[in-house]
Amino acid sequence: MEYNSSLPIYLQAANSIKQDIVTGKLSPGARLPSVRDLAVEYTINPNTVSRVYKELEMEGVCFTRRGMGTFVTEDPERVQQLKEEMAGALIREFLEGMEQLGFSRAQAIGFLEKEQSE
C-alpha cells in the first residue's frame, strides 16, 4: 500500500479496507486479518491497525468478537450506504478539482456527460 502524506495513515488503511468491502473483495461476515497480520501486510504499527479497526467499528463497517477476531458487517444496507458515501466523496473530489481548474459545476458535469457518450 502506498501512503499519501495529506491523510493520516490510519484513515488511508481504513479506506483501503472499506474499498475491499464495497467491491466485494471482502465478503459480509468475512474475518479481517489479525492486528499483527494487517500491520505486516500494510507495513504499519500494530497500534495503528487497532485504531483502524476501532474506527471501522465505530462506523458500523465491522464488528469484533472477543477472542475470535474482527469481521465485516453482515448488514447489506450498511455496505450499500458505505458505497454511496464513497461515491459521494469521489464526486466531491472531482468537482473540487474541476473548480481548481476554473470550470463551473455545470461545465464539469458536461465533461462527464460527454465522456459517457463517447
N, C-alpha and C. Protein backbone atom coordinates (compact mmCIF):
# COMPACT_ATOMS: atom_id res chain seq x y z
N MET A 1 0.84 -1.17 0.00
CA MET A 1 0.00 0.00 0.00
C MET A 1 0.89 1.24 0.00
N GLU A 2 0.60 2.18 -0.90
CA GLU A 2 1.34 3.44 -0.95
C GLU A 2 0.58 4.48 -0.15
N TYR A 3 1.29 5.24 0.65
CA TYR A 3 0.65 6.21 1.53
C TYR A 3 0.77 7.62 0.99
N ASN A 4 -0.25 8.42 1.27
CA ASN A 4 -0.34 9.81 0.87
C ASN A 4 -0.15 10.65 2.12
N SER A 5 0.80 11.56 2.11
CA SER A 5 1.11 12.33 3.31
C SER A 5 0.02 13.32 3.71
N SER A 6 -0.96 13.55 2.84
CA SER A 6 -2.01 14.51 3.17
C SER A 6 -3.13 13.93 4.03
N LEU A 7 -3.12 12.63 4.26
CA LEU A 7 -4.16 11.97 5.04
C LEU A 7 -3.51 11.03 6.05
N PRO A 8 -3.97 11.03 7.31
CA PRO A 8 -3.37 10.13 8.30
C PRO A 8 -3.37 8.67 7.83
N ILE A 9 -2.33 7.95 8.19
CA ILE A 9 -2.17 6.56 7.75
C ILE A 9 -3.34 5.70 8.18
N TYR A 10 -3.85 5.90 9.40
CA TYR A 10 -4.95 5.04 9.85
C TYR A 10 -6.19 5.23 8.99
N LEU A 11 -6.43 6.47 8.50
CA LEU A 11 -7.58 6.70 7.62
C LEU A 11 -7.36 6.08 6.25
N GLN A 12 -6.11 6.13 5.77
CA GLN A 12 -5.81 5.51 4.48
C GLN A 12 -6.01 4.00 4.56
N ALA A 13 -5.57 3.39 5.64
CA ALA A 13 -5.75 1.95 5.81
C ALA A 13 -7.23 1.61 5.94
N ALA A 14 -7.97 2.42 6.70
CA ALA A 14 -9.42 2.19 6.84
C ALA A 14 -10.11 2.31 5.49
N ASN A 15 -9.72 3.31 4.70
CA ASN A 15 -10.32 3.48 3.38
C ASN A 15 -10.02 2.30 2.46
N SER A 16 -8.83 1.75 2.59
CA SER A 16 -8.46 0.58 1.79
C SER A 16 -9.35 -0.61 2.13
N ILE A 17 -9.60 -0.81 3.41
CA ILE A 17 -10.48 -1.91 3.83
C ILE A 17 -11.91 -1.66 3.37
N LYS A 18 -12.37 -0.41 3.49
CA LYS A 18 -13.72 -0.07 3.02
C LYS A 18 -13.85 -0.36 1.52
N GLN A 19 -12.82 -0.01 0.77
CA GLN A 19 -12.81 -0.27 -0.68
C GLN A 19 -12.96 -1.77 -0.94
N ASP A 20 -12.23 -2.57 -0.18
CA ASP A 20 -12.31 -4.02 -0.33
C ASP A 20 -13.70 -4.55 0.02
N ILE A 21 -14.37 -3.90 0.96
CA ILE A 21 -15.72 -4.32 1.35
C ILE A 21 -16.73 -3.98 0.25
N VAL A 22 -16.70 -2.73 -0.24
CA VAL A 22 -17.72 -2.33 -1.22
C VAL A 22 -17.52 -2.99 -2.58
N THR A 23 -16.29 -3.39 -2.89
CA THR A 23 -16.05 -4.06 -4.17
C THR A 23 -16.26 -5.57 -4.09
N GLY A 24 -16.50 -6.07 -2.87
CA GLY A 24 -16.76 -7.49 -2.71
C GLY A 24 -15.51 -8.32 -2.48
N LYS A 25 -14.35 -7.68 -2.45
CA LYS A 25 -13.12 -8.43 -2.16
C LYS A 25 -13.19 -9.02 -0.76
N LEU A 26 -13.84 -8.29 0.15
CA LEU A 26 -14.12 -8.79 1.50
C LEU A 26 -15.63 -8.99 1.60
N SER A 27 -16.06 -10.20 1.80
CA SER A 27 -17.48 -10.54 1.84
C SER A 27 -18.09 -10.20 3.20
N PRO A 28 -19.42 -10.00 3.24
CA PRO A 28 -20.09 -9.80 4.53
C PRO A 28 -19.79 -10.96 5.47
N GLY A 29 -19.43 -10.64 6.69
CA GLY A 29 -19.11 -11.66 7.68
C GLY A 29 -17.70 -12.20 7.61
N ALA A 30 -16.93 -11.76 6.60
CA ALA A 30 -15.55 -12.25 6.46
C ALA A 30 -14.70 -11.77 7.63
N ARG A 31 -13.80 -12.63 8.05
CA ARG A 31 -12.88 -12.27 9.13
C ARG A 31 -11.76 -11.42 8.55
N LEU A 32 -11.51 -10.29 9.20
CA LEU A 32 -10.40 -9.44 8.79
C LEU A 32 -9.10 -10.02 9.35
N PRO A 33 -7.97 -9.67 8.74
CA PRO A 33 -6.69 -10.16 9.26
C PRO A 33 -6.49 -9.73 10.71
N SER A 34 -5.70 -10.48 11.44
CA SER A 34 -5.37 -10.10 12.81
C SER A 34 -4.63 -8.76 12.78
N VAL A 35 -4.60 -8.10 13.92
CA VAL A 35 -3.90 -6.82 14.02
C VAL A 35 -2.45 -6.99 13.56
N ARG A 36 -1.81 -8.02 14.04
CA ARG A 36 -0.41 -8.25 13.69
C ARG A 36 -0.25 -8.51 12.18
N ASP A 37 -1.12 -9.36 11.62
CA ASP A 37 -1.02 -9.69 10.19
C ASP A 37 -1.25 -8.47 9.31
N LEU A 38 -2.24 -7.64 9.66
CA LEU A 38 -2.51 -6.45 8.85
C LEU A 38 -1.38 -5.44 8.99
N ALA A 39 -0.79 -5.35 10.18
CA ALA A 39 0.35 -4.45 10.38
C ALA A 39 1.50 -4.85 9.46
N VAL A 40 1.75 -6.14 9.35
CA VAL A 40 2.81 -6.62 8.46
C VAL A 40 2.44 -6.36 7.01
N GLU A 41 1.19 -6.68 6.64
CA GLU A 41 0.74 -6.51 5.25
C GLU A 41 0.82 -5.05 4.80
N TYR A 42 0.41 -4.12 5.66
CA TYR A 42 0.40 -2.70 5.31
C TYR A 42 1.68 -1.97 5.74
N THR A 43 2.59 -2.68 6.37
CA THR A 43 3.83 -2.11 6.93
C THR A 43 3.53 -0.88 7.79
N ILE A 44 2.63 -1.08 8.76
CA ILE A 44 2.30 -0.03 9.72
C ILE A 44 2.36 -0.61 11.13
N ASN A 45 2.36 0.25 12.11
CA ASN A 45 2.43 -0.15 13.51
C ASN A 45 1.14 -0.88 13.92
N PRO A 46 1.25 -1.93 14.72
CA PRO A 46 0.04 -2.63 15.19
C PRO A 46 -0.94 -1.71 15.93
N ASN A 47 -0.43 -0.70 16.64
CA ASN A 47 -1.33 0.25 17.30
C ASN A 47 -2.17 1.02 16.28
N THR A 48 -1.58 1.29 15.12
CA THR A 48 -2.32 1.96 14.05
C THR A 48 -3.43 1.06 13.54
N VAL A 49 -3.14 -0.23 13.40
CA VAL A 49 -4.16 -1.18 12.95
C VAL A 49 -5.30 -1.24 13.97
N SER A 50 -4.97 -1.25 15.24
CA SER A 50 -6.01 -1.25 16.27
C SER A 50 -6.89 -0.02 16.13
N ARG A 51 -6.28 1.11 15.84
CA ARG A 51 -7.05 2.34 15.63
C ARG A 51 -7.93 2.22 14.39
N VAL A 52 -7.41 1.61 13.33
CA VAL A 52 -8.19 1.38 12.11
C VAL A 52 -9.43 0.55 12.43
N TYR A 53 -9.24 -0.54 13.14
CA TYR A 53 -10.36 -1.42 13.46
C TYR A 53 -11.38 -0.72 14.36
N LYS A 54 -10.90 0.09 15.31
CA LYS A 54 -11.82 0.85 16.17
C LYS A 54 -12.63 1.84 15.34
N GLU A 55 -11.98 2.50 14.41
CA GLU A 55 -12.65 3.46 13.52
C GLU A 55 -13.72 2.76 12.69
N LEU A 56 -13.36 1.63 12.09
CA LEU A 56 -14.32 0.89 11.27
C LEU A 56 -15.49 0.38 12.10
N GLU A 57 -15.20 -0.02 13.32
CA GLU A 57 -16.26 -0.50 14.20
C GLU A 57 -17.20 0.64 14.58
N MET A 58 -16.65 1.83 14.86
CA MET A 58 -17.48 2.99 15.19
C MET A 58 -18.38 3.38 14.01
N GLU A 59 -17.89 3.15 12.80
CA GLU A 59 -18.66 3.46 11.59
C GLU A 59 -19.66 2.37 11.24
N GLY A 60 -19.63 1.26 11.97
CA GLY A 60 -20.56 0.17 11.69
C GLY A 60 -20.18 -0.68 10.50
N VAL A 61 -18.91 -0.59 10.10
CA VAL A 61 -18.42 -1.33 8.94
C VAL A 61 -17.94 -2.72 9.34
N CYS A 62 -17.56 -2.87 10.59
CA CYS A 62 -17.11 -4.17 11.09
C CYS A 62 -17.50 -4.32 12.55
N PHE A 63 -17.30 -5.51 13.07
CA PHE A 63 -17.57 -5.77 14.48
C PHE A 63 -16.52 -6.74 14.99
N THR A 64 -16.28 -6.69 16.30
CA THR A 64 -15.27 -7.54 16.91
C THR A 64 -15.93 -8.52 17.87
N ARG A 65 -15.51 -9.76 17.78
CA ARG A 65 -15.93 -10.79 18.74
C ARG A 65 -14.69 -11.15 19.54
N ARG A 66 -14.77 -10.90 20.81
CA ARG A 66 -13.62 -11.12 21.70
C ARG A 66 -13.10 -12.55 21.55
N GLY A 67 -11.81 -12.65 21.31
CA GLY A 67 -11.17 -13.95 21.19
C GLY A 67 -11.34 -14.59 19.81
N MET A 68 -12.18 -14.00 18.96
CA MET A 68 -12.41 -14.58 17.63
C MET A 68 -11.87 -13.70 16.51
N GLY A 69 -11.88 -12.39 16.70
CA GLY A 69 -11.37 -11.50 15.68
C GLY A 69 -12.35 -10.41 15.29
N THR A 70 -12.02 -9.73 14.21
CA THR A 70 -12.82 -8.64 13.68
C THR A 70 -13.39 -9.09 12.35
N PHE A 71 -14.66 -8.78 12.13
CA PHE A 71 -15.39 -9.27 10.97
C PHE A 71 -16.09 -8.13 10.23
N VAL A 72 -16.27 -8.32 8.93
CA VAL A 72 -17.01 -7.36 8.10
C VAL A 72 -18.48 -7.43 8.49
N THR A 73 -19.13 -6.28 8.50
CA THR A 73 -20.55 -6.24 8.81
C THR A 73 -21.34 -7.17 7.89
N GLU A 74 -22.40 -7.71 8.40
CA GLU A 74 -23.27 -8.58 7.60
C GLU A 74 -24.51 -7.83 7.15
N ASP A 75 -24.55 -6.52 7.39
CA ASP A 75 -25.69 -5.67 7.05
C ASP A 75 -25.54 -5.13 5.63
N PRO A 76 -26.32 -5.66 4.66
CA PRO A 76 -26.18 -5.20 3.28
C PRO A 76 -26.54 -3.73 3.10
N GLU A 77 -27.43 -3.21 3.94
CA GLU A 77 -27.79 -1.79 3.85
C GLU A 77 -26.62 -0.91 4.24
N ARG A 78 -25.85 -1.33 5.25
CA ARG A 78 -24.68 -0.55 5.67
C ARG A 78 -23.61 -0.57 4.58
N VAL A 79 -23.45 -1.72 3.92
CA VAL A 79 -22.47 -1.81 2.83
C VAL A 79 -22.89 -0.89 1.68
N GLN A 80 -24.18 -0.89 1.34
CA GLN A 80 -24.67 -0.02 0.27
C GLN A 80 -24.49 1.45 0.66
N GLN A 81 -24.78 1.78 1.91
CA GLN A 81 -24.61 3.14 2.40
C GLN A 81 -23.14 3.55 2.29
N LEU A 82 -22.25 2.66 2.67
CA LEU A 82 -20.81 2.92 2.58
C LEU A 82 -20.40 3.17 1.13
N LYS A 83 -20.93 2.36 0.24
CA LYS A 83 -20.63 2.51 -1.19
C LYS A 83 -21.07 3.89 -1.68
N GLU A 84 -22.26 4.31 -1.27
CA GLU A 84 -22.77 5.62 -1.67
C GLU A 84 -21.95 6.75 -1.06
N GLU A 85 -21.52 6.59 0.19
CA GLU A 85 -20.65 7.59 0.83
C GLU A 85 -19.34 7.74 0.06
N MET A 86 -18.77 6.61 -0.33
CA MET A 86 -17.50 6.65 -1.06
C MET A 86 -17.68 7.27 -2.44
N ALA A 87 -18.81 6.97 -3.09
CA ALA A 87 -19.09 7.57 -4.39
C ALA A 87 -19.24 9.08 -4.25
N GLY A 88 -19.94 9.51 -3.21
CA GLY A 88 -20.10 10.94 -2.97
C GLY A 88 -18.77 11.64 -2.77
N ALA A 89 -17.87 11.00 -2.04
CA ALA A 89 -16.54 11.57 -1.81
C ALA A 89 -15.77 11.71 -3.12
N LEU A 90 -15.87 10.71 -3.98
CA LEU A 90 -15.20 10.78 -5.28
C LEU A 90 -15.76 11.91 -6.14
N ILE A 91 -17.07 12.06 -6.11
CA ILE A 91 -17.71 13.12 -6.89
C ILE A 91 -17.28 14.49 -6.37
N ARG A 92 -17.29 14.67 -5.05
CA ARG A 92 -16.86 15.95 -4.47
C ARG A 92 -15.41 16.25 -4.83
N GLU A 93 -14.56 15.23 -4.77
CA GLU A 93 -13.15 15.40 -5.13
C GLU A 93 -13.01 15.82 -6.59
N PHE A 94 -13.77 15.18 -7.47
CA PHE A 94 -13.75 15.53 -8.89
C PHE A 94 -14.19 16.98 -9.09
N LEU A 95 -15.32 17.35 -8.48
CA LEU A 95 -15.85 18.70 -8.65
C LEU A 95 -14.89 19.75 -8.10
N GLU A 96 -14.26 19.47 -6.97
CA GLU A 96 -13.27 20.40 -6.41
C GLU A 96 -12.08 20.55 -7.35
N GLY A 97 -11.63 19.45 -7.92
CA GLY A 97 -10.52 19.50 -8.87
C GLY A 97 -10.87 20.30 -10.12
N MET A 98 -12.07 20.10 -10.62
CA MET A 98 -12.52 20.85 -11.80
C MET A 98 -12.64 22.34 -11.47
N GLU A 99 -13.12 22.64 -10.27
CA GLU A 99 -13.24 24.04 -9.84
C GLU A 99 -11.86 24.69 -9.77
N GLN A 100 -10.86 23.96 -9.29
CA GLN A 100 -9.50 24.48 -9.23
C GLN A 100 -8.95 24.76 -10.62
N LEU A 101 -9.45 24.02 -11.61
CA LEU A 101 -9.04 24.25 -13.00
C LEU A 101 -9.82 25.40 -13.64
N GLY A 102 -10.79 25.94 -12.90
CA GLY A 102 -11.55 27.07 -13.41
C GLY A 102 -12.88 26.72 -14.06
N PHE A 103 -13.32 25.48 -13.92
CA PHE A 103 -14.59 25.05 -14.50
C PHE A 103 -15.71 25.18 -13.49
N SER A 104 -16.89 25.53 -13.98
CA SER A 104 -18.07 25.56 -13.11
C SER A 104 -18.55 24.13 -12.90
N ARG A 105 -19.46 23.99 -11.94
CA ARG A 105 -20.05 22.67 -11.67
C ARG A 105 -20.77 22.16 -12.92
N ALA A 106 -21.50 23.04 -13.59
CA ALA A 106 -22.23 22.66 -14.81
C ALA A 106 -21.27 22.20 -15.90
N GLN A 107 -20.16 22.90 -16.05
CA GLN A 107 -19.17 22.50 -17.05
C GLN A 107 -18.56 21.14 -16.71
N ALA A 108 -18.28 20.93 -15.44
CA ALA A 108 -17.71 19.64 -15.00
C ALA A 108 -18.68 18.51 -15.31
N ILE A 109 -19.95 18.72 -15.02
CA ILE A 109 -20.97 17.71 -15.31
C ILE A 109 -21.07 17.49 -16.82
N GLY A 110 -20.93 18.57 -17.58
CA GLY A 110 -20.92 18.45 -19.04
C GLY A 110 -19.79 17.56 -19.53
N PHE A 111 -18.61 17.70 -18.92
CA PHE A 111 -17.49 16.83 -19.27
C PHE A 111 -17.82 15.37 -19.00
N LEU A 112 -18.46 15.10 -17.88
CA LEU A 112 -18.86 13.73 -17.54
C LEU A 112 -19.83 13.17 -18.57
N GLU A 113 -20.82 13.97 -18.93
CA GLU A 113 -21.82 13.52 -19.91
C GLU A 113 -21.17 13.27 -21.27
N LYS A 114 -20.25 14.16 -21.66
CA LYS A 114 -19.55 13.99 -22.93
C LYS A 114 -18.71 12.71 -22.91
N GLU A 115 -18.00 12.49 -21.82
CA GLU A 115 -17.15 11.30 -21.68
C GLU A 115 -17.98 10.03 -21.72
N GLN A 116 -19.15 10.07 -21.10
CA GLN A 116 -20.02 8.89 -21.06
C GLN A 116 -20.57 8.56 -22.45
N SER A 117 -20.81 9.58 -23.26
CA SER A 117 -21.41 9.34 -24.58
C SER A 117 -20.38 8.85 -25.60
N GLU A 118 -19.11 9.01 -25.30
CA GLU A 118 -18.06 8.59 -26.26
C GLU A 118 -17.77 7.12 -26.15
